[in-house]
Amino acid sequence: MPRTKSTDCLTTICLKNIAKNIDKYWFADVDRDFGENPHFLYIVGPFECLSGEQIQQLIYILSSFKLLRRQHLHVLISQNLRSLDLSQSVIIANNGLILKSVGYRCKKLTALNISNCSWIPATSIADVIRNLPLLKHLGLQQTKSNDLVMSAIAESCTHLLNLEISSCQVTDKGAQSLCGGKLANGPKCKSLVKLDIKATKIGINGAMLIIKTFKKLQMFKFADVVEAVKQIVEGNNNHTKNDENALKLCYLSATGVKCRGISSESIVTSVLCCPFVTDLTLYRGATNENVQYLLNLKFLRNLKITSDKAGDVTFDDGLLPVLKSKGDNLKYLGLYDIDDIDLCKLGFYCSNLERLKIFMPMFNPVKFNSSANYITNPKSGAFRHLKEFMLVIGEDDSILKTADLCFVLENSLKLEKLHLINSQCLTDNLLKRILLLNPLNHIDQIELETCHHITEDSVWQLIACQSPLKQLTLTGCHEITRQNLDQFKKFSKAQNLNLSIYGNIL
């Protein structure tokens, strides 16, 4: 049975009590004395004795209770803060005056996250950046950050290591500004290690300039890093696969979003010139032939790969040689429309895998394969470290055999998250068998969508098993009724279980 709700620590209890009484007691004088004047940048109040971590936690609690007001931030924003995250307080923090207060009060701030605060003017964002010279981590996703903000970062952020500007209106001109633009000595943020520019207006040319400017850049989140690297190599023969001259990038991706297409040559070139890659995403351009060049990536940990067309990438001819060589090092594997996936071989060769996501068939006619000799091998160690398993099956729900699904789940002794979509081989009897072999002692979330052969008996088994289950989602499962969902929720509440149950009956 899922665990009962735990008691908060004393600090959290005190902060929750402050939050519940903040207007009645702590802010009574503020409302009376300053309520008519909205132009104060900040007010020195009773929270100056709190640490920066406690102030941030109090802001989180106020947001979760839906009690946070703008006036609270005028008092809570303190010189004690070293890190400030307002991304969960979007409605209240979406104001240039609040950010101006941060610039005045938090001179020692090293981390600022205003992601999703999409109403703050770009000029206000640029001003606060100029006032916070010690910033190391800056989160600006889905804000009004533009080319002007990039100039402010290049001029001011000497210590910046991590910058996130995904879904912002930044263009190639902004990339040029970030890279120094007209600054005589180049940008001050030369130590940049992580940069996320996904869903911006920066194209291949801007990405190339960024890669060439920031020599320490490792995690560069851009839709088509592969193509940018290829074009850099074509224009500069100094970047080779030798460690001395190789790019330090740890992340490569090929999606075809920022270019007309991904050639096989682009994938081969980028892999050879970036030997330190740990994360590789190939949504376009992968073939059985160029996938073999992944054998050169000795640090590869996370791999996501799609077969564009039926047969472009198959399991036995394309992936299996890579898994035999690199499988023990892989922590995350995502496979999309790969034909003849053999879950048993996959588990055998990727014995340290922690996350596995399989989508099939989505666009191409594909199927699973099965190896009985691997299933019967008790010493294989398959899936012993698996923490997250997601399996999405398209219209052809007959492609997965019961024995294969059972093999994965009964061996995943450390499983924390399970998400199955259209897995019709999951039945009450199969689940009962799995729970006998694997009691799911670490399970945290289970999501079952359109799994039509499980009944309320299966759900009661999950609720009754001795597991730390916190979230159970049942969507479109024909044998689960609205009445069943209400019974599950009622039981969870009556037993004070730390379990949230969600459902959507189609």
Foldseek 3Di string as FASTA:
>chain_A
DAAFDDDDDPLLVVLLVCLVCVCVPQCVVVCVPPVVPPQQLADAGDCQPPAQVSLQVSVVSNLVVVNDALNVLSHSLACRHQEHACCSVQVHCLELSSLVSNLVGHQNHAYYANAPSANHAQVSLLVSLQSHQNHAYYHHENYQHELSSLLSQQAGHLNHAEYEHEQYAYELSSLCSNQANPNPVTGSPLNHAAYAHHNYRYALVSLLSNQVRNQNHAHYHYAAVLQSQVVNCVVPVQQFLDPVRAGNYQEGHYDCPRHVFDELVSLLRNCSRHLAHQEYYYAGHAAQVSLVSCLSNQNHAEYAYEDPAPRRAECPSRPLVVLQRCQCRYAYYHYAQHAAAELLSSQLSNLQYAYYAYAPDDPYDHAYHYDVVSLPDPPSSGQQRHAYYHYHYPPPLPRDDLSSVLSNLLNNQQYAEYHYESNQSDAQVSLVVSCVSHVAARYAEYAYEQNQHYALSSVVSNVPGNHNYQEYEYEQHARQDPVSQVVVVVVCVVVSRNHDYYYYHD
